[in-house]
N, C-alpha and C. Protein backbone atom coordinates (compact mmCIF):
# COMPACT_ATOMS: atom_id res chain seq x y z
N MET A 1 -30.86 -118.46 54.43
CA MET A 1 -31.01 -117.11 54.88
C MET A 1 -30.41 -116.11 53.87
N GLN A 2 -31.17 -115.13 53.46
CA GLN A 2 -30.71 -114.11 52.48
C GLN A 2 -29.71 -113.13 53.14
N GLU A 3 -28.64 -112.88 52.50
CA GLU A 3 -27.65 -111.90 53.05
C GLU A 3 -28.24 -110.50 52.85
N MET A 4 -28.05 -109.70 53.84
CA MET A 4 -28.45 -108.30 53.84
C MET A 4 -27.27 -107.36 53.52
N ALA A 5 -27.60 -106.26 52.89
CA ALA A 5 -26.57 -105.29 52.60
C ALA A 5 -27.14 -103.90 52.91
N SER A 6 -26.27 -103.03 53.45
CA SER A 6 -26.77 -101.67 53.66
C SER A 6 -25.62 -100.76 53.33
N LEU A 7 -25.99 -99.53 52.87
CA LEU A 7 -25.06 -98.50 52.50
C LEU A 7 -25.56 -97.22 53.11
N SER A 8 -24.68 -96.54 53.87
CA SER A 8 -25.04 -95.30 54.52
C SER A 8 -24.15 -94.22 54.01
N PHE A 9 -24.60 -92.99 54.09
CA PHE A 9 -23.85 -91.83 53.57
C PHE A 9 -23.74 -90.76 54.72
N THR A 10 -22.60 -90.09 54.72
CA THR A 10 -22.33 -89.03 55.67
C THR A 10 -22.85 -87.77 54.94
N PRO A 11 -23.01 -86.58 55.63
CA PRO A 11 -23.44 -85.39 55.01
C PRO A 11 -22.64 -84.93 53.81
N ASP A 12 -21.32 -85.27 53.80
CA ASP A 12 -20.54 -84.83 52.64
C ASP A 12 -20.74 -85.77 51.42
N GLY A 13 -21.50 -86.82 51.53
CA GLY A 13 -21.83 -87.66 50.38
C GLY A 13 -20.98 -88.92 50.37
N THR A 14 -20.11 -89.10 51.33
CA THR A 14 -19.24 -90.30 51.43
C THR A 14 -20.12 -91.50 51.82
N GLY A 15 -20.04 -92.56 51.11
CA GLY A 15 -20.81 -93.79 51.43
C GLY A 15 -19.91 -94.72 52.28
N HIS A 16 -20.53 -95.50 53.17
CA HIS A 16 -19.92 -96.48 54.08
C HIS A 16 -20.66 -97.76 54.13
N CYS A 17 -19.90 -98.87 54.01
CA CYS A 17 -20.58 -100.12 54.16
C CYS A 17 -19.46 -101.27 54.32
N LEU A 18 -19.89 -102.43 54.69
CA LEU A 18 -19.00 -103.57 54.64
C LEU A 18 -19.12 -104.09 53.17
N TYR A 19 -18.01 -104.22 52.55
CA TYR A 19 -18.04 -104.61 51.16
C TYR A 19 -18.54 -106.01 50.90
N HIS A 20 -19.37 -106.12 49.96
CA HIS A 20 -19.85 -107.38 49.42
C HIS A 20 -20.44 -107.12 48.09
N GLU A 21 -20.75 -108.07 47.29
CA GLU A 21 -21.17 -107.85 45.94
C GLU A 21 -22.67 -107.78 45.72
N LEU A 22 -23.47 -107.60 46.77
CA LEU A 22 -24.88 -107.39 46.64
C LEU A 22 -25.31 -106.06 46.07
N ILE A 23 -24.38 -105.09 46.32
CA ILE A 23 -24.64 -103.74 45.81
C ILE A 23 -23.54 -103.47 44.71
N PRO A 24 -23.84 -103.16 43.45
CA PRO A 24 -22.80 -102.89 42.45
C PRO A 24 -22.19 -101.55 42.65
N LEU A 25 -21.29 -101.50 43.61
CA LEU A 25 -20.71 -100.15 44.03
C LEU A 25 -19.96 -99.39 42.93
N GLN A 26 -19.36 -100.10 42.04
CA GLN A 26 -18.65 -99.45 40.93
C GLN A 26 -19.59 -98.57 40.10
N SER A 27 -20.86 -98.89 40.12
CA SER A 27 -21.80 -98.12 39.27
C SER A 27 -22.15 -96.77 39.88
N ILE A 28 -21.81 -96.52 41.14
CA ILE A 28 -22.07 -95.21 41.74
C ILE A 28 -20.85 -94.36 41.92
N GLY A 29 -19.65 -94.83 41.55
CA GLY A 29 -18.46 -94.00 41.65
C GLY A 29 -17.24 -94.76 42.00
N THR A 30 -16.21 -94.01 42.29
CA THR A 30 -14.92 -94.62 42.66
C THR A 30 -14.96 -95.24 44.05
N ILE A 31 -14.37 -96.39 44.15
CA ILE A 31 -14.36 -97.13 45.44
C ILE A 31 -12.97 -97.01 46.06
N GLU A 32 -12.98 -96.68 47.32
CA GLU A 32 -11.70 -96.72 48.12
C GLU A 32 -12.01 -97.64 49.33
N CYS A 33 -11.26 -98.72 49.45
CA CYS A 33 -11.56 -99.72 50.52
C CYS A 33 -10.45 -99.64 51.53
N SER A 34 -10.83 -99.86 52.83
CA SER A 34 -9.97 -100.02 53.92
C SER A 34 -10.56 -101.10 54.82
N ARG A 35 -9.67 -101.81 55.57
CA ARG A 35 -10.12 -102.86 56.44
C ARG A 35 -10.94 -102.23 57.62
N ALA A 36 -12.02 -102.90 57.95
CA ALA A 36 -12.82 -102.46 59.09
C ALA A 36 -12.26 -102.93 60.40
N SER A 37 -11.43 -104.02 60.32
CA SER A 37 -10.86 -104.60 61.46
C SER A 37 -9.57 -105.30 61.16
N ASP A 38 -8.78 -105.64 62.17
CA ASP A 38 -7.61 -106.47 62.02
C ASP A 38 -7.88 -107.79 62.55
N ILE A 39 -7.66 -108.86 61.78
CA ILE A 39 -7.73 -110.21 62.30
C ILE A 39 -6.34 -110.77 62.32
N GLU A 40 -5.82 -111.01 63.50
CA GLU A 40 -4.43 -111.52 63.70
C GLU A 40 -4.41 -112.62 64.69
N PHE A 41 -3.42 -113.47 64.55
CA PHE A 41 -3.21 -114.56 65.45
C PHE A 41 -2.39 -114.06 66.65
N SER A 42 -2.82 -114.43 67.88
CA SER A 42 -2.08 -114.06 69.08
C SER A 42 -1.29 -115.26 69.56
N SER A 43 0.00 -115.05 69.62
CA SER A 43 0.83 -116.23 70.10
C SER A 43 0.66 -116.36 71.64
N GLN A 44 0.15 -115.35 72.30
CA GLN A 44 -0.05 -115.50 73.78
C GLN A 44 -1.30 -116.31 74.07
N THR A 45 -2.43 -116.05 73.37
CA THR A 45 -3.66 -116.72 73.63
C THR A 45 -3.83 -117.96 72.75
N GLN A 46 -3.01 -118.04 71.63
CA GLN A 46 -3.17 -119.05 70.66
C GLN A 46 -4.55 -119.06 69.95
N GLU A 47 -5.10 -117.88 69.81
CA GLU A 47 -6.39 -117.68 69.16
C GLU A 47 -6.25 -116.56 68.10
N TRP A 48 -7.18 -116.51 67.13
CA TRP A 48 -7.32 -115.40 66.21
C TRP A 48 -8.15 -114.40 66.95
N GLU A 49 -7.73 -113.13 66.79
CA GLU A 49 -8.40 -111.98 67.48
C GLU A 49 -8.86 -110.92 66.44
N VAL A 50 -10.08 -110.47 66.64
CA VAL A 50 -10.65 -109.39 65.86
C VAL A 50 -10.51 -108.11 66.60
N ARG A 51 -9.83 -107.13 66.03
CA ARG A 51 -9.62 -105.84 66.78
C ARG A 51 -10.09 -104.70 65.78
N LEU A 52 -10.73 -103.67 66.40
CA LEU A 52 -11.05 -102.46 65.62
C LEU A 52 -9.93 -101.48 65.79
N PRO A 53 -9.67 -100.63 64.76
CA PRO A 53 -8.57 -99.66 64.88
C PRO A 53 -8.78 -98.75 66.14
N GLY A 54 -7.73 -98.51 66.85
CA GLY A 54 -7.81 -97.60 68.03
C GLY A 54 -8.28 -98.30 69.30
N GLU A 55 -8.59 -99.62 69.23
CA GLU A 55 -9.02 -100.32 70.41
C GLU A 55 -7.94 -101.30 70.84
N ASN A 56 -7.71 -101.42 72.18
CA ASN A 56 -6.73 -102.34 72.67
C ASN A 56 -7.22 -103.78 72.81
N GLU A 57 -8.43 -103.90 73.19
CA GLU A 57 -9.02 -105.21 73.52
C GLU A 57 -9.76 -105.81 72.23
N PRO A 58 -9.53 -107.12 72.03
CA PRO A 58 -10.22 -107.71 70.88
C PRO A 58 -11.70 -107.68 71.06
N ARG A 59 -12.48 -107.56 69.96
CA ARG A 59 -13.93 -107.62 69.96
C ARG A 59 -14.42 -109.10 69.96
N PHE A 60 -13.58 -110.01 69.40
CA PHE A 60 -13.95 -111.39 69.23
C PHE A 60 -12.74 -112.25 69.11
N CYS A 61 -12.67 -113.40 69.68
CA CYS A 61 -11.54 -114.33 69.58
C CYS A 61 -12.11 -115.73 69.22
N SER A 62 -11.28 -116.55 68.48
CA SER A 62 -11.65 -117.85 68.16
C SER A 62 -10.40 -118.62 67.75
N LEU A 63 -10.50 -119.91 67.84
CA LEU A 63 -9.39 -120.80 67.36
C LEU A 63 -9.39 -120.82 65.86
N SER A 64 -10.54 -120.44 65.31
CA SER A 64 -10.72 -120.48 63.78
C SER A 64 -10.75 -119.07 63.16
N ARG A 65 -9.86 -118.88 62.23
CA ARG A 65 -9.84 -117.56 61.51
C ARG A 65 -11.14 -117.37 60.73
N GLN A 66 -11.68 -118.46 60.21
CA GLN A 66 -12.93 -118.33 59.39
C GLN A 66 -14.08 -117.92 60.37
N GLU A 67 -14.10 -118.31 61.57
CA GLU A 67 -15.12 -117.89 62.54
C GLU A 67 -14.92 -116.42 62.83
N CYS A 68 -13.73 -115.90 62.91
CA CYS A 68 -13.50 -114.47 63.01
C CYS A 68 -13.99 -113.72 61.84
N LEU A 69 -13.79 -114.22 60.64
CA LEU A 69 -14.33 -113.56 59.41
C LEU A 69 -15.82 -113.57 59.43
N ASN A 70 -16.40 -114.64 59.85
CA ASN A 70 -17.87 -114.76 59.91
C ASN A 70 -18.42 -113.78 60.94
N TRP A 71 -17.74 -113.64 62.07
CA TRP A 71 -18.17 -112.69 63.08
C TRP A 71 -18.09 -111.26 62.60
N GLU A 72 -16.98 -110.97 61.91
CA GLU A 72 -16.77 -109.67 61.37
C GLU A 72 -17.93 -109.27 60.40
N ARG A 73 -18.31 -110.18 59.57
CA ARG A 73 -19.38 -109.89 58.62
C ARG A 73 -20.73 -109.71 59.29
N ALA A 74 -20.97 -110.59 60.30
CA ALA A 74 -22.27 -110.49 61.04
C ALA A 74 -22.37 -109.38 61.96
N ASN A 75 -21.28 -108.86 62.53
CA ASN A 75 -21.39 -107.91 63.57
C ASN A 75 -20.89 -106.50 63.27
N LEU A 76 -19.92 -106.35 62.38
CA LEU A 76 -19.27 -105.06 62.23
C LEU A 76 -20.11 -103.95 61.61
N GLU A 77 -21.10 -104.41 60.72
CA GLU A 77 -21.91 -103.38 60.11
C GLU A 77 -22.68 -102.56 61.22
N CYS A 78 -23.14 -103.22 62.23
CA CYS A 78 -23.80 -102.54 63.35
C CYS A 78 -22.85 -101.72 64.15
N VAL A 79 -21.69 -102.22 64.46
CA VAL A 79 -20.67 -101.53 65.21
C VAL A 79 -20.21 -100.27 64.46
N LEU A 80 -19.88 -100.47 63.20
CA LEU A 80 -19.43 -99.29 62.44
C LEU A 80 -20.47 -98.20 62.16
N SER A 81 -21.74 -98.61 62.10
CA SER A 81 -22.78 -97.59 61.82
C SER A 81 -22.96 -96.60 62.92
N THR A 82 -22.37 -96.89 64.17
CA THR A 82 -22.44 -95.91 65.23
C THR A 82 -21.32 -94.90 65.11
N ARG A 83 -20.33 -95.15 64.26
CA ARG A 83 -19.19 -94.17 64.13
C ARG A 83 -19.59 -93.04 63.09
N LYS A 84 -19.13 -91.91 63.34
CA LYS A 84 -19.39 -90.83 62.42
C LYS A 84 -18.48 -90.91 61.22
N GLU A 85 -17.25 -91.29 61.34
CA GLU A 85 -16.25 -91.47 60.24
C GLU A 85 -15.71 -92.86 60.33
N PRO A 86 -15.37 -93.47 59.19
CA PRO A 86 -14.75 -94.74 59.24
C PRO A 86 -13.26 -94.62 59.71
N PRO A 87 -12.69 -95.72 60.20
CA PRO A 87 -11.37 -95.74 60.66
C PRO A 87 -10.49 -95.25 59.54
N ASN A 88 -9.47 -94.45 59.82
CA ASN A 88 -8.47 -93.95 58.88
C ASN A 88 -9.03 -93.03 57.79
N ALA A 89 -10.17 -92.51 57.97
CA ALA A 89 -10.70 -91.56 56.90
C ALA A 89 -10.17 -90.23 57.15
N SER A 90 -9.83 -89.54 56.02
CA SER A 90 -9.36 -88.18 56.19
C SER A 90 -10.56 -87.22 56.17
N PRO A 91 -10.43 -86.08 56.82
CA PRO A 91 -11.61 -85.16 56.91
C PRO A 91 -12.00 -84.63 55.52
N ASP A 92 -11.14 -84.68 54.58
CA ASP A 92 -11.43 -84.15 53.29
C ASP A 92 -11.79 -85.19 52.28
N HIS A 93 -12.26 -86.35 52.81
CA HIS A 93 -12.53 -87.53 52.02
C HIS A 93 -13.81 -87.35 51.16
N ARG A 94 -13.68 -87.51 49.82
CA ARG A 94 -14.87 -87.20 49.01
C ARG A 94 -15.31 -88.36 48.13
N THR A 95 -14.57 -89.54 48.14
CA THR A 95 -15.02 -90.68 47.36
C THR A 95 -15.73 -91.70 48.29
N GLU A 96 -16.36 -92.67 47.68
CA GLU A 96 -16.99 -93.67 48.44
C GLU A 96 -15.98 -94.48 49.23
N SER A 97 -16.03 -94.40 50.48
CA SER A 97 -15.06 -95.17 51.37
C SER A 97 -15.80 -96.30 51.85
N LEU A 98 -15.41 -97.52 51.41
CA LEU A 98 -16.11 -98.83 51.71
C LEU A 98 -15.27 -99.67 52.58
N LEU A 99 -15.86 -100.04 53.70
CA LEU A 99 -15.14 -100.85 54.61
C LEU A 99 -15.24 -102.36 54.22
N SER A 100 -14.12 -103.01 54.05
CA SER A 100 -14.16 -104.36 53.73
C SER A 100 -13.64 -105.22 54.82
């Protein structure tokens, strides 16, 4: 299966995507990366949990950290495309903010 890549832009010209090397992002400008999610181990549930910034409940849980990374890649582009601004973006943000 061929990996898909998408890059979207807000009206101020800021680009947003999940980072991967299918699009040579350095060729279009300065890159600023921030995590799209937090993947942390829960001592209570004994599972790895994927959480989005500002959300209390995990979006995905697994015994395998790699499964969480795979879920993040497969699902977060769709989740994040519904947001107007990426997590932790400042309103005066002018460089390509790429979610990794």
